[in-house]
Structures are given as structure tokens and as C-alpha cells.
N, C-alpha and C. Protein backbone atom coordinates (compact mmCIF):
# COMPACT_ATOMS: atom_id res chain seq x y z
N MET A 1 -73.11 173.54 14.87
CA MET A 1 -71.86 173.26 14.18
C MET A 1 -71.40 171.83 14.44
N ASN A 2 -71.67 171.36 15.63
CA ASN A 2 -71.29 170.01 15.99
C ASN A 2 -71.95 168.97 15.08
N LYS A 3 -73.24 169.23 14.74
CA LYS A 3 -73.98 168.32 13.88
C LYS A 3 -73.38 168.31 12.47
N MET A 4 -72.96 169.44 11.96
CA MET A 4 -72.34 169.55 10.64
C MET A 4 -71.01 168.79 10.59
N MET A 5 -70.23 168.93 11.65
CA MET A 5 -68.94 168.23 11.70
C MET A 5 -69.16 166.72 11.75
N SER A 6 -70.17 166.28 12.50
CA SER A 6 -70.48 164.86 12.60
C SER A 6 -70.89 164.31 11.24
N LEU A 7 -71.73 165.05 10.52
CA LEU A 7 -72.16 164.62 9.18
C LEU A 7 -70.98 164.58 8.21
N ALA A 8 -70.11 165.56 8.31
CA ALA A 8 -68.94 165.59 7.44
C ALA A 8 -68.03 164.41 7.74
N LEU A 9 -67.86 164.09 9.00
CA LEU A 9 -67.03 162.96 9.41
C LEU A 9 -67.62 161.64 8.93
N VAL A 10 -68.91 161.47 9.08
CA VAL A 10 -69.59 160.26 8.61
C VAL A 10 -69.44 160.13 7.09
N GLY A 11 -69.60 161.22 6.39
CA GLY A 11 -69.44 161.21 4.93
C GLY A 11 -68.03 160.85 4.51
N ALA A 12 -67.05 161.39 5.20
CA ALA A 12 -65.65 161.10 4.89
C ALA A 12 -65.34 159.63 5.14
N ILE A 13 -65.86 159.08 6.23
CA ILE A 13 -65.64 157.66 6.54
C ILE A 13 -66.30 156.78 5.48
N ALA A 14 -67.50 157.15 5.07
CA ALA A 14 -68.20 156.38 4.03
C ALA A 14 -67.40 156.38 2.72
N LEU A 15 -66.87 157.53 2.34
CA LEU A 15 -66.07 157.61 1.11
C LEU A 15 -64.79 156.79 1.24
N LEU A 16 -64.19 156.81 2.40
CA LEU A 16 -62.97 156.04 2.64
C LEU A 16 -63.26 154.54 2.50
N ILE A 17 -64.34 154.08 3.10
CA ILE A 17 -64.72 152.66 3.02
C ILE A 17 -65.01 152.28 1.57
N LEU A 18 -65.72 153.12 0.86
CA LEU A 18 -66.03 152.87 -0.54
C LEU A 18 -64.74 152.80 -1.37
N GLY A 19 -63.83 153.70 -1.13
CA GLY A 19 -62.56 153.72 -1.86
C GLY A 19 -61.74 152.47 -1.60
N VAL A 20 -61.65 152.04 -0.36
CA VAL A 20 -60.91 150.82 -0.02
C VAL A 20 -61.56 149.61 -0.70
N GLY A 21 -62.87 149.58 -0.71
CA GLY A 21 -63.59 148.48 -1.36
C GLY A 21 -63.29 148.42 -2.85
N LEU A 22 -63.28 149.56 -3.51
CA LEU A 22 -63.00 149.60 -4.94
C LEU A 22 -61.56 149.20 -5.24
N ILE A 23 -60.64 149.64 -4.42
CA ILE A 23 -59.24 149.27 -4.62
C ILE A 23 -59.06 147.77 -4.42
N THR A 24 -59.69 147.21 -3.39
CA THR A 24 -59.60 145.77 -3.13
C THR A 24 -60.18 144.99 -4.29
N ALA A 25 -61.32 145.39 -4.82
CA ALA A 25 -61.93 144.70 -5.95
C ALA A 25 -61.02 144.76 -7.17
N SER A 26 -60.36 145.87 -7.37
CA SER A 26 -59.45 146.02 -8.49
C SER A 26 -58.25 145.09 -8.36
N VAL A 27 -57.71 144.97 -7.16
CA VAL A 27 -56.56 144.09 -6.91
C VAL A 27 -56.97 142.64 -7.12
N ILE A 28 -58.15 142.26 -6.66
CA ILE A 28 -58.63 140.88 -6.85
C ILE A 28 -58.81 140.59 -8.32
N ASP A 29 -59.41 141.51 -9.09
CA ASP A 29 -59.59 141.32 -10.53
C ASP A 29 -58.24 141.14 -11.22
N GLU A 30 -57.27 141.95 -10.82
CA GLU A 30 -55.95 141.89 -11.44
C GLU A 30 -55.28 140.56 -11.11
N ALA A 31 -55.47 140.05 -9.91
CA ALA A 31 -54.88 138.78 -9.50
C ALA A 31 -55.45 137.63 -10.32
N MET A 32 -56.69 137.75 -10.77
CA MET A 32 -57.33 136.69 -11.54
C MET A 32 -57.24 136.94 -13.04
N ASP A 33 -56.41 137.85 -13.47
CA ASP A 33 -56.23 138.13 -14.89
C ASP A 33 -54.93 137.47 -15.34
N PRO A 34 -55.00 136.20 -15.78
CA PRO A 34 -53.77 135.47 -16.10
C PRO A 34 -53.10 135.98 -17.37
N ASP A 35 -51.77 135.85 -17.41
CA ASP A 35 -51.02 136.17 -18.62
C ASP A 35 -51.16 135.06 -19.66
N LEU A 36 -51.44 133.86 -19.20
CA LEU A 36 -51.55 132.68 -20.05
C LEU A 36 -53.01 132.50 -20.48
N SER A 37 -53.23 132.20 -21.75
CA SER A 37 -54.60 131.95 -22.21
C SER A 37 -55.02 130.53 -21.85
N GLU A 38 -56.32 130.27 -21.91
CA GLU A 38 -56.83 128.93 -21.66
C GLU A 38 -56.24 127.94 -22.66
N ALA A 39 -56.16 128.35 -23.93
CA ALA A 39 -55.62 127.46 -24.96
C ALA A 39 -54.16 127.09 -24.67
N GLU A 40 -53.38 128.07 -24.20
CA GLU A 40 -51.98 127.79 -23.87
C GLU A 40 -51.88 126.83 -22.68
N ALA A 41 -52.72 127.04 -21.68
CA ALA A 41 -52.72 126.18 -20.50
C ALA A 41 -53.12 124.75 -20.89
N MET A 42 -54.10 124.61 -21.76
CA MET A 42 -54.54 123.29 -22.20
C MET A 42 -53.43 122.58 -22.98
N ARG A 43 -52.71 123.31 -23.81
CA ARG A 43 -51.61 122.72 -24.58
C ARG A 43 -50.52 122.23 -23.64
N ILE A 44 -50.17 123.03 -22.64
CA ILE A 44 -49.14 122.65 -21.67
C ILE A 44 -49.57 121.38 -20.94
N ALA A 45 -50.83 121.33 -20.49
CA ALA A 45 -51.33 120.17 -19.77
C ALA A 45 -51.30 118.92 -20.64
N GLU A 46 -51.69 119.06 -21.90
CA GLU A 46 -51.68 117.91 -22.82
C GLU A 46 -50.27 117.38 -23.03
N GLU A 47 -49.29 118.27 -23.05
CA GLU A 47 -47.90 117.85 -23.22
C GLU A 47 -47.37 117.10 -22.00
N GLU A 48 -47.96 117.35 -20.84
CA GLU A 48 -47.51 116.70 -19.61
C GLU A 48 -48.01 115.26 -19.48
N ILE A 49 -49.14 114.96 -20.11
CA ILE A 49 -49.75 113.63 -20.01
C ILE A 49 -49.61 112.94 -21.36
N GLU A 50 -48.91 111.81 -21.39
CA GLU A 50 -48.68 111.10 -22.65
C GLU A 50 -50.02 110.71 -23.29
N GLY A 51 -50.19 111.10 -24.54
CA GLY A 51 -51.44 110.83 -25.26
C GLY A 51 -52.61 111.61 -24.70
N GLY A 52 -52.32 112.70 -23.99
CA GLY A 52 -53.36 113.44 -23.28
C GLY A 52 -54.20 114.34 -24.16
N GLU A 53 -55.46 114.46 -23.77
CA GLU A 53 -56.39 115.39 -24.42
C GLU A 53 -57.12 116.16 -23.33
N ALA A 54 -57.01 117.48 -23.36
CA ALA A 54 -57.68 118.32 -22.37
C ALA A 54 -59.18 118.26 -22.59
N ILE A 55 -59.91 118.03 -21.50
CA ILE A 55 -61.37 117.90 -21.61
C ILE A 55 -62.11 118.94 -20.79
N ASP A 56 -61.41 119.65 -19.91
CA ASP A 56 -62.06 120.66 -19.09
C ASP A 56 -60.99 121.58 -18.51
N ILE A 57 -61.36 122.83 -18.27
CA ILE A 57 -60.42 123.79 -17.68
C ILE A 57 -61.19 124.75 -16.80
N GLU A 58 -60.59 125.07 -15.66
CA GLU A 58 -61.17 126.06 -14.74
C GLU A 58 -60.06 126.99 -14.28
N LEU A 59 -60.40 128.25 -14.09
CA LEU A 59 -59.46 129.23 -13.57
C LEU A 59 -59.83 129.50 -12.12
N GLU A 60 -58.85 129.32 -11.23
CA GLU A 60 -59.07 129.56 -9.81
C GLU A 60 -57.96 130.44 -9.28
N GLU A 61 -58.19 130.99 -8.10
CA GLU A 61 -57.16 131.79 -7.45
C GLU A 61 -56.57 130.97 -6.32
N GLU A 62 -55.27 130.77 -6.37
CA GLU A 62 -54.56 130.05 -5.31
C GLU A 62 -53.29 130.83 -4.99
N LEU A 63 -53.02 130.97 -3.72
CA LEU A 63 -51.84 131.70 -3.25
C LEU A 63 -51.76 133.09 -3.86
N GLY A 64 -52.91 133.71 -4.05
CA GLY A 64 -52.96 135.09 -4.52
C GLY A 64 -52.78 135.28 -6.01
N GLY A 65 -52.78 134.20 -6.77
CA GLY A 65 -52.60 134.34 -8.21
C GLY A 65 -53.47 133.36 -8.97
N PRO A 66 -53.55 133.54 -10.30
CA PRO A 66 -54.39 132.67 -11.11
C PRO A 66 -53.74 131.31 -11.33
N VAL A 67 -54.55 130.26 -11.20
CA VAL A 67 -54.10 128.90 -11.44
C VAL A 67 -55.15 128.20 -12.29
N TYR A 68 -54.70 127.61 -13.41
CA TYR A 68 -55.59 126.81 -14.23
C TYR A 68 -55.58 125.38 -13.71
N GLU A 69 -56.76 124.79 -13.57
CA GLU A 69 -56.89 123.37 -13.28
C GLU A 69 -57.44 122.73 -14.55
N VAL A 70 -56.59 121.94 -15.19
CA VAL A 70 -56.95 121.34 -16.48
C VAL A 70 -57.15 119.84 -16.28
N LYS A 71 -58.30 119.35 -16.69
CA LYS A 71 -58.57 117.90 -16.68
C LYS A 71 -58.10 117.36 -18.03
N VAL A 72 -57.28 116.30 -17.95
CA VAL A 72 -56.71 115.70 -19.16
C VAL A 72 -56.97 114.20 -19.08
N VAL A 73 -57.48 113.63 -20.18
CA VAL A 73 -57.68 112.19 -20.25
C VAL A 73 -56.54 111.60 -21.08
N ASP A 74 -55.94 110.50 -20.56
CA ASP A 74 -54.84 109.88 -21.29
C ASP A 74 -55.36 108.79 -22.23
N ALA A 75 -54.46 108.12 -22.92
CA ALA A 75 -54.84 107.11 -23.92
C ALA A 75 -55.60 105.94 -23.30
N ASP A 76 -55.41 105.69 -22.00
CA ASP A 76 -56.10 104.60 -21.31
C ASP A 76 -57.44 105.02 -20.75
N GLY A 77 -57.78 106.30 -20.87
CA GLY A 77 -59.05 106.80 -20.35
C GLY A 77 -58.96 107.31 -18.91
N THR A 78 -57.76 107.33 -18.36
CA THR A 78 -57.57 107.85 -17.00
C THR A 78 -57.59 109.37 -17.05
N VAL A 79 -58.31 109.97 -16.10
CA VAL A 79 -58.41 111.43 -16.04
C VAL A 79 -57.42 111.96 -15.02
N TRP A 80 -56.64 112.95 -15.44
CA TRP A 80 -55.64 113.60 -14.61
C TRP A 80 -56.03 115.06 -14.42
N GLU A 81 -55.57 115.64 -13.31
CA GLU A 81 -55.74 117.07 -13.09
C GLU A 81 -54.35 117.70 -13.09
N VAL A 82 -54.16 118.66 -13.97
CA VAL A 82 -52.88 119.35 -14.09
C VAL A 82 -53.10 120.79 -13.67
N GLU A 83 -52.37 121.24 -12.64
CA GLU A 83 -52.46 122.63 -12.19
C GLU A 83 -51.32 123.42 -12.81
N ILE A 84 -51.67 124.55 -13.43
CA ILE A 84 -50.70 125.36 -14.14
C ILE A 84 -50.80 126.80 -13.67
N ASP A 85 -49.65 127.40 -13.35
CA ASP A 85 -49.61 128.81 -12.97
C ASP A 85 -50.11 129.65 -14.14
N GLY A 86 -51.13 130.45 -13.91
CA GLY A 86 -51.76 131.23 -14.96
C GLY A 86 -50.91 132.38 -15.49
N ASP A 87 -49.85 132.72 -14.79
CA ASP A 87 -48.97 133.79 -15.24
C ASP A 87 -47.71 133.27 -15.91
N THR A 88 -47.12 132.21 -15.34
CA THR A 88 -45.82 131.74 -15.84
C THR A 88 -45.91 130.51 -16.74
N GLY A 89 -47.01 129.75 -16.63
CA GLY A 89 -47.13 128.50 -17.39
C GLY A 89 -46.44 127.33 -16.70
N GLU A 90 -45.90 127.56 -15.51
CA GLU A 90 -45.23 126.49 -14.77
C GLU A 90 -46.25 125.45 -14.31
N VAL A 91 -45.92 124.17 -14.49
CA VAL A 91 -46.77 123.09 -14.00
C VAL A 91 -46.54 122.98 -12.50
N LEU A 92 -47.60 123.18 -11.74
CA LEU A 92 -47.50 123.19 -10.28
C LEU A 92 -47.74 121.82 -9.68
N GLU A 93 -48.65 121.06 -10.29
CA GLU A 93 -49.00 119.75 -9.73
C GLU A 93 -49.71 118.92 -10.78
N ILE A 94 -49.45 117.62 -10.74
CA ILE A 94 -50.17 116.66 -11.58
C ILE A 94 -50.64 115.55 -10.66
N GLU A 95 -51.94 115.26 -10.71
CA GLU A 95 -52.47 114.20 -9.87
C GLU A 95 -53.64 113.52 -10.57
N LEU A 96 -53.91 112.29 -10.15
CA LEU A 96 -55.09 111.61 -10.64
C LEU A 96 -56.32 112.38 -10.20
N ASP A 97 -57.31 112.46 -11.07
CA ASP A 97 -58.54 113.16 -10.73
C ASP A 97 -59.41 112.23 -9.90
N ASP A 98 -59.23 112.28 -8.58
CA ASP A 98 -59.97 111.38 -7.70
C ASP A 98 -61.40 111.83 -7.46
N ASP A 99 -61.74 113.04 -7.93
CA ASP A 99 -63.12 113.51 -7.80
C ASP A 99 -64.02 112.86 -8.84
N GLY A 100 -63.42 112.32 -9.88
CA GLY A 100 -64.21 111.79 -10.98
C GLY A 100 -64.66 112.93 -11.86
N TYR A 101 -64.48 112.77 -13.13
CA TYR A 101 -64.84 113.84 -14.06
C TYR A 101 -66.31 113.77 -14.37
N GLU A 102 -66.97 114.92 -14.28
CA GLU A 102 -68.35 115.05 -14.71
C GLU A 102 -68.42 116.22 -15.66
N ASP A 103 -69.05 116.01 -16.80
CA ASP A 103 -69.20 117.06 -17.79
C ASP A 103 -70.17 118.09 -17.25
N ASP A 104 -69.69 119.33 -17.07
CA ASP A 104 -70.53 120.38 -16.52
C ASP A 104 -71.34 121.12 -17.57
N ASP A 105 -71.20 120.73 -18.84
CA ASP A 105 -71.95 121.41 -19.90
C ASP A 105 -73.44 121.21 -19.67
N ASP A 106 -74.19 122.23 -19.99
CA ASP A 106 -75.64 122.16 -19.79
C ASP A 106 -76.37 121.59 -20.98
N ASP A 107 -75.63 121.24 -22.04
CA ASP A 107 -76.32 120.66 -23.19
C ASP A 107 -76.71 119.23 -22.85
N ASP A 108 -77.89 118.86 -23.25
CA ASP A 108 -78.42 117.53 -22.93
C ASP A 108 -78.46 116.67 -24.18
N ASP A 109 -77.36 116.66 -24.93
CA ASP A 109 -77.30 115.90 -26.16
C ASP A 109 -77.45 114.41 -25.93
N ASP A 110 -77.04 113.93 -24.76
CA ASP A 110 -77.04 112.49 -24.49
C ASP A 110 -78.41 111.98 -24.06
N GLU A 111 -79.27 112.87 -23.61
CA GLU A 111 -80.55 112.45 -23.09
C GLU A 111 -81.59 112.40 -24.20
N GLU A 112 -82.46 111.38 -24.12
CA GLU A 112 -83.53 111.26 -25.09
C GLU A 112 -84.69 112.14 -24.65
N ASP A 113 -85.42 112.65 -25.62
CA ASP A 113 -86.59 113.47 -25.34
C ASP A 113 -87.80 112.56 -25.40
N ASP A 114 -88.51 112.40 -24.29
CA ASP A 114 -89.65 111.47 -24.23
C ASP A 114 -90.97 112.14 -24.58
N ASP A 115 -90.93 113.32 -25.13
CA ASP A 115 -92.19 114.03 -25.46
C ASP A 115 -92.92 113.38 -26.58
């Protein structure tokens, strides 16, 4: 009987761990599900930078919620990073993009084919 109780206890613990894992994954997914669309975030960022045009957007989790990081180029060619709360649309921060913008697209339209 002792062996049966041990197996039952191990099974119960395994189910508990699995359940906690699933709940945690669900909470994380919900935290990264912004109320604001990418298009709305890009529009907000463009309005913050005079003559701005959004050129890239990423969704990240900061302080437990979704935050859009939008790269915007101004009329002078300067690249800015605008952080926008993914739920409220509030502009959290505007700073020069000191990382330098690199196009992450995998299309190689700019490269010549030497074949």
C-alpha cells in the first residue's frame, strides 16, 4: 500500500507542476497580447517625430506588459526609437537610436547575384 500511495503522490505532484506551468504560460501570453495594433503604434510614433516615418517595429515585454519599440526616421534621416505602451498607446520614451538601424528583412534585394 505504501508503494501505491507514493505513486499517487508523485502523480499528483506532476499534475500540479504541469498545471502551474500551463497557467504561467497563459499569463505570459496574455501579458504580450497588446490592445493596440502595430499600425496604431506606428501612427502614434510617426506623430511624435516631426516628418517621421516608421521603418521598423518590435513588440517586447517590459514591466510585465507589452511595449512597442518603433524606429522612426525624421526628415533629416535621423533614426529615433519611440517606446509605446501596447495597451494604452501612451508614449513612454523617445530617444535617438544609438544602436544604429539595420534592416532585419531577409530579402536580399540590394545584393547583386554573381552567378
